[in-house]
Amino acid sequence: MGLRFCRCLIRSIVLVVFSSGPHALAVRQEPSVVEANRVVELTFTAENQSADPFNTIDLDVTFTAPSATVVRVPAFWAGGKTWRARYASPEIGVHSYVTSCTARDEQGLHQVTGKVEVVPYKGDNPLHRHGPIRVARDQRHFAYADGTLFFWLGHTWWMGLCERLKWPQDVRTLLTLPDCRY
């Protein structure tokens, strides 16, 4: 009776796994935590060695944000059996992802699922606090992604554009000008 029960149990498990489709066999990664507007790098490892992975395998990672916004990010081959994808978002919350690979039989790359938790940024870097710089809504100014105006201040060494600089004396002269604080 015990052996018969074990066989029935194993058959049931196999039936459930294979009838559930490819997602039942998918690899799941541990959740990553990253601050808003900062990059998280995810690493995926192929199970099999490929002769020319750079030219024969395409790997994309599709992220779904809490607001249901979908972003497809191409992954890049990082050598050997390793692939990486980088993702950043200003949206706080849990972002889920699933990979899609042209090598469908590669379980380490195809249909890998996971989550990235984006938490509020705590530092003082304005690019991370407000998001990347874009053209403002009025099409006349620059602004951060959250709408905060961006003040762009630059400095030009006009002397460097007039004639060829000689190393090191001319460069030293430029660096010692009163308006240069380097």
C-alpha atoms as a PDB file:
ATOM      1  CA  MET A   1       0.000   0.000   0.000  1.00  0.00           C
ATOM      2  CA  GLY A   2       2.832   2.449   0.797  1.00  0.00           C
ATOM      3  CA  LEU A   3       4.584   1.906  -2.553  1.00  0.00           C
ATOM      4  CA  ARG A   4       1.339   2.311  -4.453  1.00  0.00           C
ATOM      5  CA  PHE A   5       0.612   5.585  -2.631  1.00  0.00           C
ATOM      6  CA  CYS A   6       4.113   6.940  -3.452  1.00  0.00           C
ATOM      7  CA  ARG A   7       3.701   6.121  -7.167  1.00  0.00           C
ATOM      8  CA  CYS A   8       0.315   7.866  -7.272  1.00  0.00           C
ATOM      9  CA  LEU A   9       1.756  10.889  -5.486  1.00  0.00           C
ATOM     10  CA  ILE A  10       4.718  11.149  -7.890  1.00  0.00           C
ATOM     11  CA  ARG A  11       2.413  10.807 -10.932  1.00  0.00           C
ATOM     12  CA  SER A  12       0.179  13.553  -9.546  1.00  0.00           C
ATOM     13  CA  ILE A  13       3.090  15.911  -8.989  1.00  0.00           C
ATOM     14  CA  VAL A  14       4.484  15.263 -12.480  1.00  0.00           C
ATOM     15  CA  LEU A  15       1.035  15.787 -14.003  1.00  0.00           C
ATOM     16  CA  VAL A  16       0.522  19.089 -12.171  1.00  0.00           C
ATOM     17  CA  VAL A  17       3.989  20.412 -13.085  1.00  0.00           C
ATOM     18  CA  PHE A  18       3.767  19.547 -16.778  1.00  0.00           C
ATOM     19  CA  SER A  19       0.142  20.606 -17.191  1.00  0.00           C
ATOM     20  CA  SER A  20       0.893  24.009 -15.668  1.00  0.00           C
ATOM     21  CA  GLY A  21       3.006  25.034 -18.661  1.00  0.00           C
ATOM     22  CA  PRO A  22       6.490  26.545 -18.796  1.00  0.00           C
ATOM     23  CA  HIS A  23       5.953  28.902 -15.845  1.00  0.00           C
ATOM     24  CA  ALA A  24       5.853  25.963 -13.436  1.00  0.00           C
ATOM     25  CA  LEU A  25       9.416  25.076 -14.453  1.00  0.00           C
ATOM     26  CA  ALA A  26      10.653  28.689 -14.507  1.00  0.00           C
ATOM     27  CA  VAL A  27      13.536  29.785 -12.350  1.00  0.00           C
ATOM     28  CA  ARG A  28      12.702  32.409  -9.754  1.00  0.00           C
ATOM     29  CA  GLN A  29      15.272  34.897  -8.499  1.00  0.00           C
ATOM     30  CA  GLU A  30      15.509  36.449  -5.057  1.00  0.00           C
ATOM     31  CA  PRO A  31      13.901  39.918  -4.851  1.00  0.00           C
ATOM     32  CA  SER A  32      16.274  42.868  -5.218  1.00  0.00           C
ATOM     33  CA  VAL A  33      15.866  46.178  -3.390  1.00  0.00           C
ATOM     34  CA  VAL A  34      16.943  49.472  -4.963  1.00  0.00           C
ATOM     35  CA  GLU A  35      16.315  53.165  -4.284  1.00  0.00           C
ATOM     36  CA  ALA A  36      14.205  55.165  -6.754  1.00  0.00           C
ATOM     37  CA  ASN A  37      16.041  56.332  -9.905  1.00  0.00           C
ATOM     38  CA  ARG A  38      19.063  54.169  -9.057  1.00  0.00           C
ATOM     39  CA  VAL A  39      20.142  51.239 -11.204  1.00  0.00           C
ATOM     40  CA  VAL A  40      19.722  47.634 -10.157  1.00  0.00           C
ATOM     41  CA  GLU A  41      21.752  45.065 -12.085  1.00  0.00           C
ATOM     42  CA  LEU A  42      20.251  41.607 -12.420  1.00  0.00           C
ATOM     43  CA  THR A  43      22.422  38.615 -13.312  1.00  0.00           C
ATOM     44  CA  PHE A  44      21.201  35.565 -15.209  1.00  0.00           C
ATOM     45  CA  THR A  45      23.254  32.412 -15.744  1.00  0.00           C
ATOM     46  CA  ALA A  46      22.800  30.055 -18.678  1.00  0.00           C
ATOM     47  CA  GLU A  47      22.888  26.349 -17.953  1.00  0.00           C
ATOM     48  CA  ASN A  48      24.666  25.453 -21.183  1.00  0.00           C
ATOM     49  CA  GLN A  49      27.775  26.894 -22.803  1.00  0.00           C
ATOM     50  CA  SER A  50      27.089  28.467 -26.207  1.00  0.00           C
ATOM     51  CA  ALA A  51      29.678  28.659 -28.998  1.00  0.00           C
ATOM     52  CA  ASP A  52      28.737  32.252 -29.919  1.00  0.00           C
ATOM     53  CA  PRO A  53      26.256  33.667 -27.357  1.00  0.00           C
ATOM     54  CA  PHE A  54      26.815  37.291 -28.377  1.00  0.00           C
ATOM     55  CA  ASN A  55      25.498  36.638 -31.897  1.00  0.00           C
ATOM     56  CA  THR A  56      23.103  33.735 -31.345  1.00  0.00           C
ATOM     57  CA  ILE A  57      21.189  34.537 -28.152  1.00  0.00           C
ATOM     58  CA  ASP A  58      18.919  37.502 -27.458  1.00  0.00           C
ATOM     59  CA  LEU A  59      17.692  38.018 -23.898  1.00  0.00           C
ATOM     60  CA  ASP A  60      15.092  40.605 -22.891  1.00  0.00           C
ATOM     61  CA  VAL A  61      13.688  41.338 -19.454  1.00  0.00           C
ATOM     62  CA  THR A  62      10.126  42.674 -19.277  1.00  0.00           C
ATOM     63  CA  PHE A  63       9.420  44.708 -16.132  1.00  0.00           C
ATOM     64  CA  THR A  64       5.907  45.516 -14.927  1.00  0.00           C
ATOM     65  CA  ALA A  65       5.664  48.461 -12.517  1.00  0.00           C
ATOM     66  CA  PRO A  66       3.000  48.753  -9.781  1.00  0.00           C
ATOM     67  CA  SER A  67       1.055  51.117 -12.090  1.00  0.00           C
ATOM     68  CA  ALA A  68       1.007  48.333 -14.752  1.00  0.00           C
ATOM     69  CA  THR A  69       3.510  50.223 -16.937  1.00  0.00           C
ATOM     70  CA  VAL A  70       5.530  47.692 -18.936  1.00  0.00           C
ATOM     71  CA  VAL A  71       9.180  48.276 -19.871  1.00  0.00           C
ATOM     72  CA  ARG A  72      11.209  45.846 -21.970  1.00  0.00           C
ATOM     73  CA  VAL A  73      14.957  45.988 -21.272  1.00  0.00           C
ATOM     74  CA  PRO A  74      17.527  44.165 -23.410  1.00  0.00           C
ATOM     75  CA  ALA A  75      20.050  42.164 -21.415  1.00  0.00           C
ATOM     76  CA  PHE A  76      23.700  41.970 -22.432  1.00  0.00           C
ATOM     77  CA  TRP A  77      26.130  39.085 -22.516  1.00  0.00           C
ATOM     78  CA  ALA A  78      28.743  39.526 -19.780  1.00  0.00           C
ATOM     79  CA  GLY A  79      31.025  36.656 -20.788  1.00  0.00           C
ATOM     80  CA  GLY A  80      30.873  32.903 -20.296  1.00  0.00           C
ATOM     81  CA  LYS A  81      27.376  31.837 -19.266  1.00  0.00           C
ATOM     82  CA  THR A  82      26.524  35.187 -17.644  1.00  0.00           C
ATOM     83  CA  TRP A  83      23.956  37.739 -18.844  1.00  0.00           C
ATOM     84  CA  ARG A  84      23.025  41.011 -17.147  1.00  0.00           C
ATOM     85  CA  ALA A  85      20.209  43.548 -17.331  1.00  0.00           C
ATOM     86  CA  ARG A  86      20.050  46.995 -15.729  1.00  0.00           C
ATOM     87  CA  TYR A  87      16.852  48.712 -14.649  1.00  0.00           C
ATOM     88  CA  ALA A  88      15.945  51.959 -12.875  1.00  0.00           C
ATOM     89  CA  SER A  89      12.533  53.417 -12.069  1.00  0.00           C
ATOM     90  CA  PRO A  90      11.158  56.423 -10.199  1.00  0.00           C
ATOM     91  CA  GLU A  91       8.011  54.472  -9.242  1.00  0.00           C
ATOM     92  CA  ILE A  92       7.988  53.230  -5.646  1.00  0.00           C
ATOM     93  CA  GLY A  93       6.753  49.678  -5.063  1.00  0.00           C
ATOM     94  CA  VAL A  94       7.315  46.122  -6.237  1.00  0.00           C
ATOM     95  CA  HIS A  95       8.181  45.680  -9.914  1.00  0.00           C
ATOM     96  CA  SER A  96       7.893  42.158 -11.309  1.00  0.00           C
ATOM     97  CA  TYR A  97       9.864  40.853 -14.266  1.00  0.00           C
ATOM     98  CA  VAL A  98      10.047  37.887 -16.617  1.00  0.00           C
ATOM     99  CA  THR A  99      12.791  37.072 -19.102  1.00  0.00           C
ATOM    100  CA  SER A 100      12.363  36.109 -22.734  1.00  0.00           C
ATOM    101  CA  CYS A 101      15.202  34.359 -24.520  1.00  0.00           C
ATOM    102  CA  THR A 102      15.608  33.204 -28.115  1.00  0.00           C
ATOM    103  CA  ALA A 103      17.152  29.994 -26.723  1.00  0.00           C
ATOM    104  CA  ARG A 104      13.839  28.662 -25.377  1.00  0.00           C
ATOM    105  CA  ASP A 105      15.430  25.511 -23.919  1.00  0.00           C
ATOM    106  CA  GLU A 106      17.809  27.560 -21.761  1.00  0.00           C
ATOM    107  CA  GLN A 107      16.128  27.404 -18.327  1.00  0.00           C
ATOM    108  CA  GLY A 108      18.656  29.770 -16.762  1.00  0.00           C
ATOM    109  CA  LEU A 109      17.689  32.499 -19.244  1.00  0.00           C
ATOM    110  CA  HIS A 110      14.154  31.822 -20.509  1.00  0.00           C
ATOM    111  CA  GLN A 111      11.046  32.510 -18.393  1.00  0.00           C
ATOM    112  CA  VAL A 112      13.031  33.501 -15.308  1.00  0.00           C
ATOM    113  CA  THR A 113      10.775  35.511 -13.006  1.00  0.00           C
ATOM    114  CA  GLY A 114      11.517  37.791 -10.113  1.00  0.00           C
ATOM    115  CA  LYS A 115      10.796  41.060  -8.355  1.00  0.00           C
ATOM    116  CA  VAL A 116      12.576  44.336  -7.757  1.00  0.00           C
ATOM    117  CA  GLU A 117      11.421  46.476  -4.852  1.00  0.00           C
ATOM    118  CA  VAL A 118      11.931  50.200  -5.446  1.00  0.00           C
ATOM    119  CA  VAL A 119      12.129  52.177  -2.192  1.00  0.00           C
ATOM    120  CA  PRO A 120      12.326  55.983  -1.738  1.00  0.00           C
ATOM    121  CA  TYR A 121      15.731  57.576  -2.344  1.00  0.00           C
ATOM    122  CA  LYS A 122      17.328  58.894   0.872  1.00  0.00           C
ATOM    123  CA  GLY A 123      20.395  60.751  -0.437  1.00  0.00           C
ATOM    124  CA  ASP A 124      20.916  64.295  -1.681  1.00  0.00           C
ATOM    125  CA  ASN A 125      21.852  63.684  -5.339  1.00  0.00           C
ATOM    126  CA  PRO A 126      19.253  65.662  -7.358  1.00  0.00           C
ATOM    127  CA  LEU A 127      19.391  63.177 -10.245  1.00  0.00           C
ATOM    128  CA  HIS A 128      18.260  60.392  -7.916  1.00  0.00           C
ATOM    129  CA  ARG A 129      15.896  62.579  -5.889  1.00  0.00           C
ATOM    130  CA  HIS A 130      14.078  64.144  -8.875  1.00  0.00           C
ATOM    131  CA  GLY A 131      14.809  61.755 -11.759  1.00  0.00           C
ATOM    132  CA  PRO A 132      16.642  62.210 -15.059  1.00  0.00           C
ATOM    133  CA  ILE A 133      16.809  65.559 -16.879  1.00  0.00           C
ATOM    134  CA  ARG A 134      14.341  66.163 -19.723  1.00  0.00           C
ATOM    135  CA  VAL A 135      12.949  69.009 -21.758  1.00  0.00           C
ATOM    136  CA  ALA A 136      10.274  70.759 -19.646  1.00  0.00           C
ATOM    137  CA  ARG A 137       6.596  70.796 -20.644  1.00  0.00           C
ATOM    138  CA  ASP A 138       6.926  74.345 -21.994  1.00  0.00           C
ATOM    139  CA  GLN A 139       9.583  73.044 -24.436  1.00  0.00           C
ATOM    140  CA  ARG A 140      11.850  75.983 -23.488  1.00  0.00           C
ATOM    141  CA  HIS A 141      13.674  74.787 -20.396  1.00  0.00           C
ATOM    142  CA  PHE A 142      15.153  71.701 -18.806  1.00  0.00           C
ATOM    143  CA  ALA A 143      13.435  69.960 -15.901  1.00  0.00           C
ATOM    144  CA  TYR A 144      13.870  66.812 -13.860  1.00  0.00           C
ATOM    145  CA  ALA A 145      11.460  63.928 -14.466  1.00  0.00           C
ATOM    146  CA  ASP A 146       9.298  65.015 -11.516  1.00  0.00           C
ATOM    147  CA  GLY A 147       8.851  68.523 -13.025  1.00  0.00           C
ATOM    148  CA  THR A 148      11.375  70.345 -10.823  1.00  0.00           C
ATOM    149  CA  LEU A 149      13.206  72.937 -12.930  1.00  0.00           C
ATOM    150  CA  PHE A 150      16.841  72.200 -13.714  1.00  0.00           C
ATOM    151  CA  PHE A 151      19.283  75.116 -13.625  1.00  0.00           C
ATOM    152  CA  TRP A 152      22.081  74.471 -16.075  1.00  0.00           C
ATOM    153  CA  LEU A 153      25.265  76.419 -15.435  1.00  0.00           C
ATOM    154  CA  GLY A 154      28.339  75.774 -17.543  1.00  0.00           C
ATOM    155  CA  HIS A 155      31.789  77.166 -17.991  1.00  0.00           C
ATOM    156  CA  THR A 156      33.741  77.487 -21.241  1.00  0.00           C
ATOM    157  CA  TRP A 157      37.438  78.017 -21.619  1.00  0.00           C
ATOM    158  CA  TRP A 158      37.310  80.371 -24.604  1.00  0.00           C
ATOM    159  CA  MET A 159      41.085  80.619 -24.615  1.00  0.00           C
ATOM    160  CA  GLY A 160      41.247  76.902 -25.412  1.00  0.00           C
ATOM    161  CA  LEU A 161      39.171  77.455 -28.556  1.00  0.00           C
ATOM    162  CA  CYS A 162      41.373  80.245 -29.949  1.00  0.00           C
ATOM    163  CA  GLU A 163      44.607  78.346 -30.517  1.00  0.00           C
ATOM    164  CA  ARG A 164      46.206  75.023 -29.777  1.00  0.00           C
ATOM    165  CA  LEU A 165      47.160  74.602 -26.135  1.00  0.00           C
ATOM    166  CA  LYS A 166      50.729  73.667 -25.257  1.00  0.00           C
ATOM    167  CA  TRP A 167      51.256  71.102 -22.529  1.00  0.00           C
ATOM    168  CA  PRO A 168      51.736  71.796 -19.638  1.00  0.00           C
ATOM    169  CA  GLN A 169      52.167  75.589 -19.463  1.00  0.00           C
ATOM    170  CA  ASP A 170      48.933  76.631 -21.274  1.00  0.00           C
ATOM    171  CA  VAL A 171      46.835  74.133 -19.403  1.00  0.00           C
ATOM    172  CA  ARG A 172      48.365  75.333 -16.146  1.00  0.00           C
ATOM    173  CA  THR A 173      47.489  78.931 -17.137  1.00  0.00           C
ATOM    174  CA  LEU A 174      43.867  77.950 -17.733  1.00  0.00           C
ATOM    175  CA  LEU A 175      43.647  76.232 -14.378  1.00  0.00           C
ATOM    176  CA  THR A 176      45.040  79.244 -12.502  1.00  0.00           C
ATOM    177  CA  LEU A 177      42.615  81.812 -13.947  1.00  0.00           C
ATOM    178  CA  PRO A 178      40.698  83.608 -11.153  1.00  0.00           C
ATOM    179  CA  ASP A 179      37.285  82.232 -12.239  1.00  0.00           C
ATOM    180  CA  CYS A 180      38.470  78.602 -12.235  1.00  0.00           C
ATOM    181  CA  ARG A 181      38.037  76.781  -8.945  1.00  0.00           C
ATOM    182  CA  TYR A 182      39.427  73.347  -9.761  1.00  0.00           C
END
